[in-house]
Amino acid sequence: IERKKNRGFINRLSDGGFKVVFLLRLNPLSSIDSISYFAGAMGMNVYKFMLSTMAGVTPLIVVGTLFGSKAIEKYNIGLELLVIFTFIYIANQLRKVKIVQKIKNARNNRLKRKTREHGTQ
């Protein structure tokens, strides 16, 4: 951070920074990691940081929960089918990986046997 350009931001953050972190956490477009890094680098008090983070993300969690519950009520069957097909897809992919691994193991075992046979003759 360039100190001259961001002196006000840095001063507010290092002097407590509760409002700064709260407002940045409230904004869904802010980078969560950047806020944490800046607060730590500027020496913000850990307890103030945790409290402002909790206060800043709580409204978004509540709104997300409310919208999520409405979506589940409205699209219940669609979501159930999505979950079922997702599990089927994942199981199929895992099965393919296991089959490919078995083929590779069988091929390696055959090569080892051939190598041993040719080595003993």
PDB file of N, CA and C in Angstrom:
ATOM      1  N   ILE A   1       0.863  -1.180   0.000  1.00  0.00           N
ATOM      2  CA  ILE A   1       0.000   0.000   0.000  1.00  0.00           C
ATOM      3  C   ILE A   1       0.897   1.227   0.000  1.00  0.00           C
ATOM      4  N   GLU A   2       0.589   2.152  -0.886  1.00  0.00           N
ATOM      5  CA  GLU A   2       1.329   3.407  -0.892  1.00  0.00           C
ATOM      6  C   GLU A   2       0.821   4.259   0.255  1.00  0.00           C
ATOM      7  N   ARG A   3       1.698   4.588   1.150  1.00  0.00           N
ATOM      8  CA  ARG A   3       1.294   5.300   2.368  1.00  0.00           C
ATOM      9  C   ARG A   3       0.742   6.690   2.076  1.00  0.00           C
ATOM     10  N   LYS A   4       1.299   7.422   1.094  1.00  0.00           N
ATOM     11  CA  LYS A   4       0.839   8.788   0.826  1.00  0.00           C
ATOM     12  C   LYS A   4      -0.596   8.797   0.316  1.00  0.00           C
ATOM     13  N   LYS A   5      -0.890   7.929  -0.628  1.00  0.00           N
ATOM     14  CA  LYS A   5      -2.226   7.912  -1.227  1.00  0.00           C
ATOM     15  C   LYS A   5      -3.278   7.386  -0.258  1.00  0.00           C
ATOM     16  N   ASN A   6      -2.913   6.446   0.562  1.00  0.00           N
ATOM     17  CA  ASN A   6      -3.890   5.765   1.413  1.00  0.00           C
ATOM     18  C   ASN A   6      -3.704   6.069   2.892  1.00  0.00           C
ATOM     19  N   ARG A   7      -3.103   7.206   3.204  1.00  0.00           N
ATOM     20  CA  ARG A   7      -2.815   7.531   4.600  1.00  0.00           C
ATOM     21  C   ARG A   7      -4.093   7.547   5.449  1.00  0.00           C
ATOM     22  N   GLY A   8      -5.173   8.132   4.945  1.00  0.00           N
ATOM     23  CA  GLY A   8      -6.418   8.182   5.719  1.00  0.00           C
ATOM     24  C   GLY A   8      -6.968   6.796   5.996  1.00  0.00           C
ATOM     25  N   PHE A   9      -6.953   5.963   4.973  1.00  0.00           N
ATOM     26  CA  PHE A   9      -7.439   4.588   5.129  1.00  0.00           C
ATOM     27  C   PHE A   9      -6.584   3.831   6.138  1.00  0.00           C
ATOM     28  N   ILE A  10      -5.282   3.971   6.016  1.00  0.00           N
ATOM     29  CA  ILE A  10      -4.359   3.276   6.919  1.00  0.00           C
ATOM     30  C   ILE A  10      -4.536   3.775   8.349  1.00  0.00           C
ATOM     31  N   ASN A  11      -4.671   5.093   8.523  1.00  0.00           N
ATOM     32  CA  ASN A  11      -4.845   5.648   9.873  1.00  0.00           C
ATOM     33  C   ASN A  11      -6.130   5.136  10.510  1.00  0.00           C
ATOM     34  N   ARG A  12      -7.218   5.134   9.740  1.00  0.00           N
ATOM     35  CA  ARG A  12      -8.488   4.648  10.286  1.00  0.00           C
ATOM     36  C   ARG A  12      -8.404   3.165  10.637  1.00  0.00           C
ATOM     37  N   LEU A  13      -7.717   2.409   9.803  1.00  0.00           N
ATOM     38  CA  LEU A  13      -7.615   0.974  10.047  1.00  0.00           C
ATOM     39  C   LEU A  13      -6.732   0.681  11.252  1.00  0.00           C
ATOM     40  N   SER A  14      -5.627   1.381  11.369  1.00  0.00           N
ATOM     41  CA  SER A  14      -4.726   1.105  12.487  1.00  0.00           C
ATOM     42  C   SER A  14      -5.227   1.713  13.793  1.00  0.00           C
ATOM     43  N   ASP A  15      -6.078   2.737  13.732  1.00  0.00           N
ATOM     44  CA  ASP A  15      -6.635   3.347  14.941  1.00  0.00           C
ATOM     45  C   ASP A  15      -7.856   2.596  15.457  1.00  0.00           C
ATOM     46  N   GLY A  16      -8.166   1.499  14.936  1.00  0.00           N
ATOM     47  CA  GLY A  16      -9.334   0.736  15.363  1.00  0.00           C
ATOM     48  C   GLY A  16      -9.951   0.087  14.152  1.00  0.00           C
ATOM     49  N   GLY A  17     -10.333   0.883  13.189  1.00  0.00           N
ATOM     50  CA  GLY A  17     -10.804   0.386  11.912  1.00  0.00           C
ATOM     51  C   GLY A  17     -12.111  -0.368  11.928  1.00  0.00           C
ATOM     52  N   PHE A  18     -12.859  -0.272  13.018  1.00  0.00           N
ATOM     53  CA  PHE A  18     -14.109  -1.027  13.109  1.00  0.00           C
ATOM     54  C   PHE A  18     -15.035  -0.675  11.950  1.00  0.00           C
ATOM     55  N   LYS A  19     -15.246   0.632  11.714  1.00  0.00           N
ATOM     56  CA  LYS A  19     -16.168   1.063  10.654  1.00  0.00           C
ATOM     57  C   LYS A  19     -15.667   0.649   9.278  1.00  0.00           C
ATOM     58  N   VAL A  20     -14.360   0.782   9.070  1.00  0.00           N
ATOM     59  CA  VAL A  20     -13.799   0.444   7.760  1.00  0.00           C
ATOM     60  C   VAL A  20     -14.017  -1.034   7.454  1.00  0.00           C
ATOM     61  N   VAL A  21     -13.654  -1.892   8.374  1.00  0.00           N
ATOM     62  CA  VAL A  21     -13.817  -3.331   8.149  1.00  0.00           C
ATOM     63  C   VAL A  21     -15.295  -3.683   8.046  1.00  0.00           C
ATOM     64  N   PHE A  22     -16.121  -3.085   8.899  1.00  0.00           N
ATOM     65  CA  PHE A  22     -17.562  -3.345   8.857  1.00  0.00           C
ATOM     66  C   PHE A  22     -18.124  -3.006   7.481  1.00  0.00           C
ATOM     67  N   LEU A  23     -17.812  -1.819   6.972  1.00  0.00           N
ATOM     68  CA  LEU A  23     -18.355  -1.394   5.678  1.00  0.00           C
ATOM     69  C   LEU A  23     -17.804  -2.236   4.527  1.00  0.00           C
ATOM     70  N   LEU A  24     -16.539  -2.589   4.606  1.00  0.00           N
ATOM     71  CA  LEU A  24     -15.972  -3.428   3.553  1.00  0.00           C
ATOM     72  C   LEU A  24     -16.556  -4.839   3.583  1.00  0.00           C
ATOM     73  N   ARG A  25     -16.805  -5.364   4.762  1.00  0.00           N
ATOM     74  CA  ARG A  25     -17.420  -6.693   4.869  1.00  0.00           C
ATOM     75  C   ARG A  25     -18.880  -6.659   4.423  1.00  0.00           C
ATOM     76  N   LEU A  26     -19.528  -5.538   4.625  1.00  0.00           N
ATOM     77  CA  LEU A  26     -20.927  -5.388   4.233  1.00  0.00           C
ATOM     78  C   LEU A  26     -21.072  -5.394   2.713  1.00  0.00           C
ATOM     79  N   ASN A  27     -20.046  -4.935   2.028  1.00  0.00           N
ATOM     80  CA  ASN A  27     -20.057  -4.875   0.571  1.00  0.00           C
ATOM     81  C   ASN A  27     -19.735  -6.259   0.004  1.00  0.00           C
ATOM     82  N   PRO A  28     -20.658  -6.863  -0.753  1.00  0.00           N
ATOM     83  CA  PRO A  28     -20.407  -8.210  -1.266  1.00  0.00           C
ATOM     84  C   PRO A  28     -19.323  -8.256  -2.346  1.00  0.00           C
ATOM     85  N   LEU A  29     -18.941  -7.108  -2.884  1.00  0.00           N
ATOM     86  CA  LEU A  29     -17.931  -7.080  -3.939  1.00  0.00           C
ATOM     87  C   LEU A  29     -16.511  -6.940  -3.407  1.00  0.00           C
ATOM     88  N   SER A  30     -16.368  -6.671  -2.117  1.00  0.00           N
ATOM     89  CA  SER A  30     -15.032  -6.523  -1.526  1.00  0.00           C
ATOM     90  C   SER A  30     -14.350  -7.880  -1.420  1.00  0.00           C
ATOM     91  N   SER A  31     -13.050  -7.880  -1.618  1.00  0.00           N
ATOM     92  CA  SER A  31     -12.270  -9.108  -1.478  1.00  0.00           C
ATOM     93  C   SER A  31     -12.085  -9.416   0.008  1.00  0.00           C
ATOM     94  N   ILE A  32     -12.604 -10.538   0.436  1.00  0.00           N
ATOM     95  CA  ILE A  32     -12.553 -10.908   1.848  1.00  0.00           C
ATOM     96  C   ILE A  32     -11.109 -11.080   2.314  1.00  0.00           C
ATOM     97  N   ASP A  33     -10.302 -11.729   1.504  1.00  0.00           N
ATOM     98  CA  ASP A  33      -8.906 -11.950   1.891  1.00  0.00           C
ATOM     99  C   ASP A  33      -8.142 -10.639   2.010  1.00  0.00           C
ATOM    100  N   SER A  34      -8.374  -9.724   1.078  1.00  0.00           N
ATOM    101  CA  SER A  34      -7.657  -8.443   1.114  1.00  0.00           C
ATOM    102  C   SER A  34      -7.964  -7.672   2.387  1.00  0.00           C
ATOM    103  N   ILE A  35      -9.221  -7.684   2.791  1.00  0.00           N
ATOM    104  CA  ILE A  35      -9.605  -6.977   4.017  1.00  0.00           C
ATOM    105  C   ILE A  35      -8.850  -7.569   5.205  1.00  0.00           C
ATOM    106  N   SER A  36      -8.794  -8.871   5.277  1.00  0.00           N
ATOM    107  CA  SER A  36      -8.099  -9.537   6.383  1.00  0.00           C
ATOM    108  C   SER A  36      -6.609  -9.223   6.367  1.00  0.00           C
ATOM    109  N   TYR A  37      -5.999  -9.284   5.184  1.00  0.00           N
ATOM    110  CA  TYR A  37      -4.565  -9.000   5.081  1.00  0.00           C
ATOM    111  C   TYR A  37      -4.255  -7.569   5.495  1.00  0.00           C
ATOM    112  N   PHE A  38      -5.056  -6.619   4.989  1.00  0.00           N
ATOM    113  CA  PHE A  38      -4.815  -5.212   5.317  1.00  0.00           C
ATOM    114  C   PHE A  38      -4.989  -4.960   6.808  1.00  0.00           C
ATOM    115  N   ALA A  39      -6.042  -5.522   7.379  1.00  0.00           N
ATOM    116  CA  ALA A  39      -6.287  -5.308   8.810  1.00  0.00           C
ATOM    117  C   ALA A  39      -5.142  -5.879   9.637  1.00  0.00           C
ATOM    118  N   GLY A  40      -4.650  -7.033   9.259  1.00  0.00           N
ATOM    119  CA  GLY A  40      -3.524  -7.624   9.981  1.00  0.00           C
ATOM    120  C   GLY A  40      -2.242  -6.838   9.794  1.00  0.00           C
ATOM    121  N   ALA A  41      -2.003  -6.386   8.571  1.00  0.00           N
ATOM    122  CA  ALA A  41      -0.779  -5.631   8.288  1.00  0.00           C
ATOM    123  C   ALA A  41      -0.770  -4.272   8.978  1.00  0.00           C
ATOM    124  N   MET A  42      -1.948  -3.702   9.174  1.00  0.00           N
ATOM    125  CA  MET A  42      -2.030  -2.386   9.800  1.00  0.00           C
ATOM    126  C   MET A  42      -2.122  -2.466  11.320  1.00  0.00           C
ATOM    127  N   GLY A  43      -2.100  -3.666  11.854  1.00  0.00           N
ATOM    128  CA  GLY A  43      -2.078  -3.823  13.307  1.00  0.00           C
ATOM    129  C   GLY A  43      -3.415  -3.600  13.981  1.00  0.00           C
ATOM    130  N   MET A  44      -4.503  -3.932  13.288  1.00  0.00           N
ATOM    131  CA  MET A  44      -5.827  -3.770  13.889  1.00  0.00           C
ATOM    132  C   MET A  44      -5.996  -4.764  15.030  1.00  0.00           C
ATOM    133  N   ASN A  45      -6.657  -4.344  16.087  1.00  0.00           N
ATOM    134  CA  ASN A  45      -6.941  -5.192  17.239  1.00  0.00           C
ATOM    135  C   ASN A  45      -7.761  -6.399  16.788  1.00  0.00           C
ATOM    136  N   VAL A  46      -7.364  -7.582  17.210  1.00  0.00           N
ATOM    137  CA  VAL A  46      -8.010  -8.821  16.774  1.00  0.00           C
ATOM    138  C   VAL A  46      -9.478  -8.857  17.172  1.00  0.00           C
ATOM    139  N   TYR A  47      -9.784  -8.435  18.388  1.00  0.00           N
ATOM    140  CA  TYR A  47     -11.169  -8.497  18.858  1.00  0.00           C
ATOM    141  C   TYR A  47     -12.056  -7.524  18.097  1.00  0.00           C
ATOM    142  N   LYS A  48     -11.546  -6.333  17.809  1.00  0.00           N
ATOM    143  CA  LYS A  48     -12.316  -5.380  17.005  1.00  0.00           C
ATOM    144  C   LYS A  48     -12.507  -5.917  15.590  1.00  0.00           C
ATOM    145  N   PHE A  49     -11.474  -6.559  15.067  1.00  0.00           N
ATOM    146  CA  PHE A  49     -11.562  -7.135  13.728  1.00  0.00           C
ATOM    147  C   PHE A  49     -12.629  -8.229  13.679  1.00  0.00           C
ATOM    148  N   MET A  50     -12.615  -9.126  14.660  1.00  0.00           N
ATOM    149  CA  MET A  50     -13.603 -10.212  14.677  1.00  0.00           C
ATOM    150  C   MET A  50     -15.017  -9.668  14.830  1.00  0.00           C
ATOM    151  N   LEU A  51     -15.195  -8.697  15.714  1.00  0.00           N
ATOM    152  CA  LEU A  51     -16.518  -8.127  15.940  1.00  0.00           C
ATOM    153  C   LEU A  51     -17.024  -7.401  14.697  1.00  0.00           C
ATOM    154  N   SER A  52     -16.165  -6.607  14.064  1.00  0.00           N
ATOM    155  CA  SER A  52     -16.592  -5.874  12.870  1.00  0.00           C
ATOM    156  C   SER A  52     -16.860  -6.832  11.708  1.00  0.00           C
ATOM    157  N   THR A  53     -16.097  -7.908  11.625  1.00  0.00           N
ATOM    158  CA  THR A  53     -16.332  -8.907  10.583  1.00  0.00           C
ATOM    159  C   THR A  53     -17.670  -9.595  10.803  1.00  0.00           C
ATOM    160  N   MET A  54     -17.940  -9.990  12.049  1.00  0.00           N
ATOM    161  CA  MET A  54     -19.225 -10.627  12.355  1.00  0.00           C
ATOM    162  C   MET A  54     -20.388  -9.700  12.043  1.00  0.00           C
ATOM    163  N   ALA A  55     -20.262  -8.449  12.453  1.00  0.00           N
ATOM    164  CA  ALA A  55     -21.334  -7.484  12.218  1.00  0.00           C
ATOM    165  C   ALA A  55     -21.506  -7.215  10.728  1.00  0.00           C
ATOM    166  N   GLY A  56     -20.426  -7.225   9.968  1.00  0.00           N
ATOM    167  CA  GLY A  56     -20.501  -6.931   8.544  1.00  0.00           C
ATOM    168  C   GLY A  56     -21.055  -8.061   7.704  1.00  0.00           C
ATOM    169  N   VAL A  57     -20.786  -9.296   8.069  1.00  0.00           N
ATOM    170  CA  VAL A  57     -21.263 -10.415   7.250  1.00  0.00           C
ATOM    171  C   VAL A  57     -22.637 -10.924   7.676  1.00  0.00           C
ATOM    172  N   THR A  58     -23.075 -10.596   8.871  1.00  0.00           N
ATOM    173  CA  THR A  58     -24.367 -11.088   9.360  1.00  0.00           C
ATOM    174  C   THR A  58     -25.538 -10.688   8.460  1.00  0.00           C
ATOM    175  N   PRO A  59     -25.654  -9.425   8.027  1.00  0.00           N
ATOM    176  CA  PRO A  59     -26.783  -9.089   7.146  1.00  0.00           C
ATOM    177  C   PRO A  59     -26.788  -9.898   5.849  1.00  0.00           C
ATOM    178  N   LEU A  60     -25.628 -10.123   5.266  1.00  0.00           N
ATOM    179  CA  LEU A  60     -25.577 -10.910   4.029  1.00  0.00           C
ATOM    180  C   LEU A  60     -25.955 -12.365   4.280  1.00  0.00           C
ATOM    181  N   ILE A  61     -25.570 -12.884   5.427  1.00  0.00           N
ATOM    182  CA  ILE A  61     -25.930 -14.260   5.767  1.00  0.00           C
ATOM    183  C   ILE A  61     -27.443 -14.380   5.936  1.00  0.00           C
ATOM    184  N   VAL A  62     -28.045 -13.408   6.615  1.00  0.00           N
ATOM    185  CA  VAL A  62     -29.498 -13.430   6.832  1.00  0.00           C
ATOM    186  C   VAL A  62     -30.232 -13.336   5.499  1.00  0.00           C
ATOM    187  N   VAL A  63     -29.826 -12.402   4.648  1.00  0.00           N
ATOM    188  CA  VAL A  63     -30.481 -12.235   3.345  1.00  0.00           C
ATOM    189  C   VAL A  63     -30.306 -13.499   2.501  1.00  0.00           C
ATOM    190  N   GLY A  64     -29.095 -14.047   2.484  1.00  0.00           N
ATOM    191  CA  GLY A  64     -28.857 -15.272   1.726  1.00  0.00           C
ATOM    192  C   GLY A  64     -29.685 -16.439   2.229  1.00  0.00           C
ATOM    193  N   THR A  65     -29.834 -16.524   3.536  1.00  0.00           N
ATOM    194  CA  THR A  65     -30.636 -17.596   4.125  1.00  0.00           C
ATOM    195  C   THR A  65     -32.103 -17.446   3.757  1.00  0.00           C
ATOM    196  N   LEU A  66     -32.614 -16.217   3.832  1.00  0.00           N
ATOM    197  CA  LEU A  66     -34.019 -15.987   3.488  1.00  0.00           C
ATOM    198  C   LEU A  66     -34.292 -16.299   2.024  1.00  0.00           C
ATOM    199  N   PHE A  67     -33.427 -15.808   1.129  1.00  0.00           N
ATOM    200  CA  PHE A  67     -33.625 -16.089  -0.288  1.00  0.00           C
ATOM    201  C   PHE A  67     -33.437 -17.568  -0.584  1.00  0.00           C
ATOM    202  N   GLY A  68     -32.486 -18.183   0.085  1.00  0.00           N
ATOM    203  CA  GLY A  68     -32.251 -19.607  -0.117  1.00  0.00           C
ATOM    204  C   GLY A  68     -33.428 -20.456   0.317  1.00  0.00           C
ATOM    205  N   SER A  69     -34.048 -20.097   1.449  1.00  0.00           N
ATOM    206  CA  SER A  69     -35.198 -20.875   1.919  1.00  0.00           C
ATOM    207  C   SER A  69     -36.386 -20.703   0.980  1.00  0.00           C
ATOM    208  N   LYS A  70     -36.556 -19.509   0.433  1.00  0.00           N
ATOM    209  CA  LYS A  70     -37.645 -19.284  -0.533  1.00  0.00           C
ATOM    210  C   LYS A  70     -37.399 -20.088  -1.803  1.00  0.00           C
ATOM    211  N   ALA A  71     -36.151 -20.129  -2.252  1.00  0.00           N
ATOM    212  CA  ALA A  71     -35.827 -20.884  -3.466  1.00  0.00           C
ATOM    213  C   ALA A  71     -36.067 -22.368  -3.257  1.00  0.00           C
ATOM    214  N   ILE A  72     -35.737 -22.865  -2.076  1.00  0.00           N
ATOM    215  CA  ILE A  72     -35.944 -24.288  -1.801  1.00  0.00           C
ATOM    216  C   ILE A  72     -37.430 -24.614  -1.781  1.00  0.00           C
ATOM    217  N   GLU A  73     -38.241 -23.732  -1.190  1.00  0.00           N
ATOM    218  CA  GLU A  73     -39.683 -23.968  -1.161  1.00  0.00           C
ATOM    219  C   GLU A  73     -40.261 -23.966  -2.573  1.00  0.00           C
ATOM    220  N   LYS A  74     -39.807 -23.041  -3.405  1.00  0.00           N
ATOM    221  CA  LYS A  74     -40.374 -22.886  -4.740  1.00  0.00           C
ATOM    222  C   LYS A  74     -39.880 -23.961  -5.704  1.00  0.00           C
ATOM    223  N   TYR A  75     -38.610 -24.298  -5.626  1.00  0.00           N
ATOM    224  CA  TYR A  75     -38.006 -25.220  -6.588  1.00  0.00           C
ATOM    225  C   TYR A  75     -37.565 -26.519  -5.922  1.00  0.00           C
ATOM    226  N   ASN A  76     -38.349 -27.031  -5.014  1.00  0.00           N
ATOM    227  CA  ASN A  76     -37.973 -28.192  -4.216  1.00  0.00           C
ATOM    228  C   ASN A  76     -37.651 -29.416  -5.073  1.00  0.00           C
ATOM    229  N   ILE A  77     -38.534 -29.776  -5.999  1.00  0.00           N
ATOM    230  CA  ILE A  77     -38.332 -30.974  -6.814  1.00  0.00           C
ATOM    231  C   ILE A  77     -37.120 -30.799  -7.722  1.00  0.00           C
ATOM    232  N   GLY A  78     -36.975 -29.621  -8.299  1.00  0.00           N
ATOM    233  CA  GLY A  78     -35.829 -29.364  -9.174  1.00  0.00           C
ATOM    234  C   GLY A  78     -34.512 -29.484  -8.434  1.00  0.00           C
ATOM    235  N   LEU A  79     -34.469 -28.962  -7.217  1.00  0.00           N
ATOM    236  CA  LEU A  79     -33.242 -29.051  -6.424  1.00  0.00           C
ATOM    237  C   LEU A  79     -32.942 -30.490  -6.027  1.00  0.00           C
ATOM    238  N   GLU A  80     -33.996 -31.248  -5.687  1.00  0.00           N
ATOM    239  CA  GLU A  80     -33.790 -32.654  -5.345  1.00  0.00           C
ATOM    240  C   GLU A  80     -33.215 -33.416  -6.532  1.00  0.00           C
ATOM    241  N   LEU A  81     -33.772 -33.167  -7.723  1.00  0.00           N
ATOM    242  CA  LEU A  81     -33.256 -33.832  -8.920  1.00  0.00           C
ATOM    243  C   LEU A  81     -31.815 -33.418  -9.209  1.00  0.00           C
ATOM    244  N   LEU A  82     -31.518 -32.146  -9.009  1.00  0.00           N
ATOM    245  CA  LEU A  82     -30.156 -31.660  -9.221  1.00  0.00           C
ATOM    246  C   LEU A  82     -29.170 -32.368  -8.294  1.00  0.00           C
ATOM    247  N   VAL A  83     -29.550 -32.515  -7.036  1.00  0.00           N
ATOM    248  CA  VAL A  83     -28.682 -33.196  -6.070  1.00  0.00           C
ATOM    249  C   VAL A  83     -28.504 -34.661  -6.455  1.00  0.00           C
ATOM    250  N   ILE A  84     -29.590 -35.319  -6.830  1.00  0.00           N
ATOM    251  CA  ILE A  84     -29.521 -36.736  -7.207  1.00  0.00           C
ATOM    252  C   ILE A  84     -28.620 -36.923  -8.423  1.00  0.00           C
ATOM    253  N   PHE A  85     -28.833 -36.108  -9.466  1.00  0.00           N
ATOM    254  CA  PHE A  85     -28.011 -36.239 -10.674  1.00  0.00           C
ATOM    255  C   PHE A  85     -26.550 -35.883 -10.413  1.00  0.00           C
ATOM    256  N   THR A  86     -26.319 -34.948  -9.513  1.00  0.00           N
ATOM    257  CA  THR A  86     -24.941 -34.600  -9.156  1.00  0.00           C
ATOM    258  C   THR A  86     -24.252 -35.785  -8.501  1.00  0.00           C
ATOM    259  N   PHE A  87     -24.931 -36.442  -7.563  1.00  0.00           N
ATOM    260  CA  PHE A  87     -24.349 -37.618  -6.918  1.00  0.00           C
ATOM    261  C   PHE A  87     -24.120 -38.750  -7.919  1.00  0.00           C
ATOM    262  N   ILE A  88     -25.062 -38.941  -8.832  1.00  0.00           N
ATOM    263  CA  ILE A  88     -24.894 -39.980  -9.857  1.00  0.00           C
ATOM    264  C   ILE A  88     -23.680 -39.666 -10.728  1.00  0.00           C
ATOM    265  N   TYR A  89     -23.537 -38.414 -11.121  1.00  0.00           N
ATOM    266  CA  TYR A  89     -22.404 -38.004 -11.953  1.00  0.00           C
ATOM    267  C   TYR A  89     -21.079 -38.233 -11.229  1.00  0.00           C
ATOM    268  N   ILE A  90     -21.020 -37.811  -9.971  1.00  0.00           N
ATOM    269  CA  ILE A  90     -19.784 -37.980  -9.190  1.00  0.00           C
ATOM    270  C   ILE A  90     -19.456 -39.459  -9.017  1.00  0.00           C
ATOM    271  N   ALA A  91     -20.475 -40.273  -8.712  1.00  0.00           N
ATOM    272  CA  ALA A  91     -20.249 -41.713  -8.547  1.00  0.00           C
ATOM    273  C   ALA A  91     -19.746 -42.329  -9.850  1.00  0.00           C
ATOM    274  N   ASN A  92     -20.311 -41.898 -10.973  1.00  0.00           N
ATOM    275  CA  ASN A  92     -19.883 -42.406 -12.276  1.00  0.00           C
ATOM    276  C   ASN A  92     -18.433 -42.017 -12.567  1.00  0.00           C
ATOM    277  N   GLN A  93     -18.071 -40.787 -12.253  1.00  0.00           N
ATOM    278  CA  GLN A  93     -16.689 -40.338 -12.474  1.00  0.00           C
ATOM    279  C   GLN A  93     -15.714 -41.121 -11.594  1.00  0.00           C
ATOM    280  N   LEU A  94     -16.091 -41.350 -10.352  1.00  0.00           N
ATOM    281  CA  LEU A  94     -15.234 -42.134  -9.455  1.00  0.00           C
ATOM    282  C   LEU A  94     -15.081 -43.566  -9.949  1.00  0.00           C
ATOM    283  N   ARG A  95     -16.172 -44.126 -10.464  1.00  0.00           N
ATOM    284  CA  ARG A  95     -16.130 -45.485 -11.004  1.00  0.00           C
ATOM    285  C   ARG A  95     -15.187 -45.543 -12.201  1.00  0.00           C
ATOM    286  N   LYS A  96     -15.252 -44.527 -13.066  1.00  0.00           N
ATOM    287  CA  LYS A  96     -14.358 -44.485 -14.227  1.00  0.00           C
ATOM    288  C   LYS A  96     -12.899 -44.411 -13.792  1.00  0.00           C
ATOM    289  N   VAL A  97     -12.635 -43.623 -12.782  1.00  0.00           N
ATOM    290  CA  VAL A  97     -11.259 -43.501 -12.284  1.00  0.00           C
ATOM    291  C   VAL A  97     -10.776 -44.843 -11.759  1.00  0.00           C
ATOM    292  N   LYS A  98     -11.634 -45.550 -11.027  1.00  0.00           N
ATOM    293  CA  LYS A  98     -11.249 -46.858 -10.492  1.00  0.00           C
ATOM    294  C   LYS A  98     -11.000 -47.856 -11.618  1.00  0.00           C
ATOM    295  N   ILE A  99     -11.846 -47.827 -12.656  1.00  0.00           N
ATOM    296  CA  ILE A  99     -11.672 -48.746 -13.788  1.00  0.00           C
ATOM    297  C   ILE A  99     -10.359 -48.450 -14.501  1.00  0.00           C
ATOM    298  N   VAL A 100     -10.083 -47.181 -14.737  1.00  0.00           N
ATOM    299  CA  VAL A 100      -8.831 -46.803 -15.399  1.00  0.00           C
ATOM    300  C   VAL A 100      -7.643 -47.244 -14.559  1.00  0.00           C
ATOM    301  N   GLN A 101      -7.731 -47.075 -13.253  1.00  0.00           N
ATOM    302  CA  GLN A 101      -6.640 -47.485 -12.363  1.00  0.00           C
ATOM    303  C   GLN A 101      -6.441 -48.996 -12.408  1.00  0.00           C
ATOM    304  N   LYS A 102      -7.550 -49.759 -12.450  1.00  0.00           N
ATOM    305  CA  LYS A 102      -7.440 -51.218 -12.538  1.00  0.00           C
ATOM    306  C   LYS A 102      -6.779 -51.634 -13.849  1.00  0.00           C
ATOM    307  N   ILE A 103      -7.135 -50.958 -14.943  1.00  0.00           N
ATOM    308  CA  ILE A 103      -6.531 -51.270 -16.241  1.00  0.00           C
ATOM    309  C   ILE A 103      -5.034 -50.984 -16.204  1.00  0.00           C
ATOM    310  N   LYS A 104      -4.663 -49.844 -15.631  1.00  0.00           N
ATOM    311  CA  LYS A 104      -3.238 -49.498 -15.530  1.00  0.00           C
ATOM    312  C   LYS A 104      -2.489 -50.508 -14.674  1.00  0.00           C
ATOM    313  N   ASN A 105      -3.090 -50.916 -13.569  1.00  0.00           N
ATOM    314  CA  ASN A 105      -2.448 -51.907 -12.696  1.00  0.00           C
ATOM    315  C   ASN A 105      -2.273 -53.240 -13.413  1.00  0.00           C
ATOM    316  N   ALA A 106      -3.314 -53.671 -14.147  1.00  0.00           N
ATOM    317  CA  ALA A 106      -3.229 -54.935 -14.878  1.00  0.00           C
ATOM    318  C   ALA A 106      -2.143 -54.853 -15.947  1.00  0.00           C
ATOM    319  N   ARG A 107      -2.070 -53.733 -16.647  1.00  0.00           N
ATOM    320  CA  ARG A 107      -1.057 -53.544 -17.684  1.00  0.00           C
ATOM    321  C   ARG A 107       0.346 -53.569 -17.071  1.00  0.00           C
ATOM    322  N   ASN A 108       0.509 -52.890 -15.945  1.00  0.00           N
ATOM    323  CA  ASN A 108       1.811 -52.887 -15.266  1.00  0.00           C
ATOM    324  C   ASN A 108       2.202 -54.287 -14.801  1.00  0.00           C
ATOM    325  N   ASN A 109       1.234 -55.031 -14.271  1.00  0.00           N
ATOM    326  CA  ASN A 109       1.514 -56.398 -13.816  1.00  0.00           C
ATOM    327  C   ASN A 109       1.940 -57.288 -14.982  1.00  0.00           C
ATOM    328  N   ARG A 110       1.264 -57.144 -16.143  1.00  0.00           N
ATOM    329  CA  ARG A 110       1.636 -57.917 -17.324  1.00  0.00           C
ATOM    330  C   ARG A 110       3.053 -57.583 -17.775  1.00  0.00           C
ATOM    331  N   LEU A 111       3.376 -56.288 -17.776  1.00  0.00           N
ATOM    332  CA  LEU A 111       4.724 -55.875 -18.179  1.00  0.00           C
ATOM    333  C   LEU A 111       5.776 -56.424 -17.221  1.00  0.00           C
ATOM    334  N   LYS A 112       5.478 -56.424 -15.932  1.00  0.00           N
ATOM    335  CA  LYS A 112       6.421 -56.961 -14.950  1.00  0.00           C
ATOM    336  C   LYS A 112       6.634 -58.452 -15.167  1.00  0.00           C
ATOM    337  N   ARG A 113       5.531 -59.189 -15.445  1.00  0.00           N
ATOM    338  CA  ARG A 113       5.648 -60.631 -15.689  1.00  0.00           C
ATOM    339  C   ARG A 113       6.485 -60.907 -16.930  1.00  0.00           C
ATOM    340  N   LYS A 114       6.236 -60.137 -18.004  1.00  0.00           N
ATOM    341  CA  LYS A 114       7.002 -60.329 -19.237  1.00  0.00           C
ATOM    342  C   LYS A 114       8.476 -60.030 -19.005  1.00  0.00           C
ATOM    343  N   THR A 115       8.746 -58.985 -18.236  1.00  0.00           N
ATOM    344  CA  THR A 115      10.130 -58.619 -17.947  1.00  0.00           C
ATOM    345  C   THR A 115      10.811 -59.721 -17.159  1.00  0.00           C
ATOM    346  N   ARG A 116      10.125 -60.286 -16.197  1.00  0.00           N
ATOM    347  CA  ARG A 116      10.692 -61.382 -15.398  1.00  0.00           C
ATOM    348  C   ARG A 116      10.913 -62.625 -16.256  1.00  0.00           C
ATOM    349  N   GLU A 117       9.946 -62.927 -17.142  1.00  0.00           N
ATOM    350  CA  GLU A 117      10.067 -64.109 -18.000  1.00  0.00           C
ATOM    351  C   GLU A 117      11.250 -63.974 -18.946  1.00  0.00           C
ATOM    352  N   HIS A 118      11.407 -62.803 -19.537  1.00  0.00           N
ATOM    353  CA  HIS A 118      12.519 -62.595 -20.467  1.00  0.00           C
ATOM    354  C   HIS A 118      13.847 -62.536 -19.734  1.00  0.00           C
ATOM    355  N   GLY A 119      13.829 -62.079 -18.503  1.00  0.00           N
ATOM    356  CA  GLY A 119      15.063 -61.997 -17.723  1.00  0.00           C
ATOM    357  C   GLY A 119      15.560 -63.355 -17.266  1.00  0.00           C
ATOM    358  N   THR A 120      14.652 -64.324 -17.065  1.00  0.00           N
ATOM    359  CA  THR A 120      15.046 -65.649 -16.576  1.00  0.00           C
ATOM    360  C   THR A 120      15.407 -66.591 -17.709  1.00  0.00           C
ATOM    361  N   GLN A 121      15.039 -66.281 -18.924  1.00  0.00           N
ATOM    362  CA  GLN A 121      15.312 -67.193 -20.045  1.00  0.00           C
ATOM    363  C   GLN A 121      16.703 -67.076 -20.555  1.00  0.00           C
TER     364      GLN A 121
END
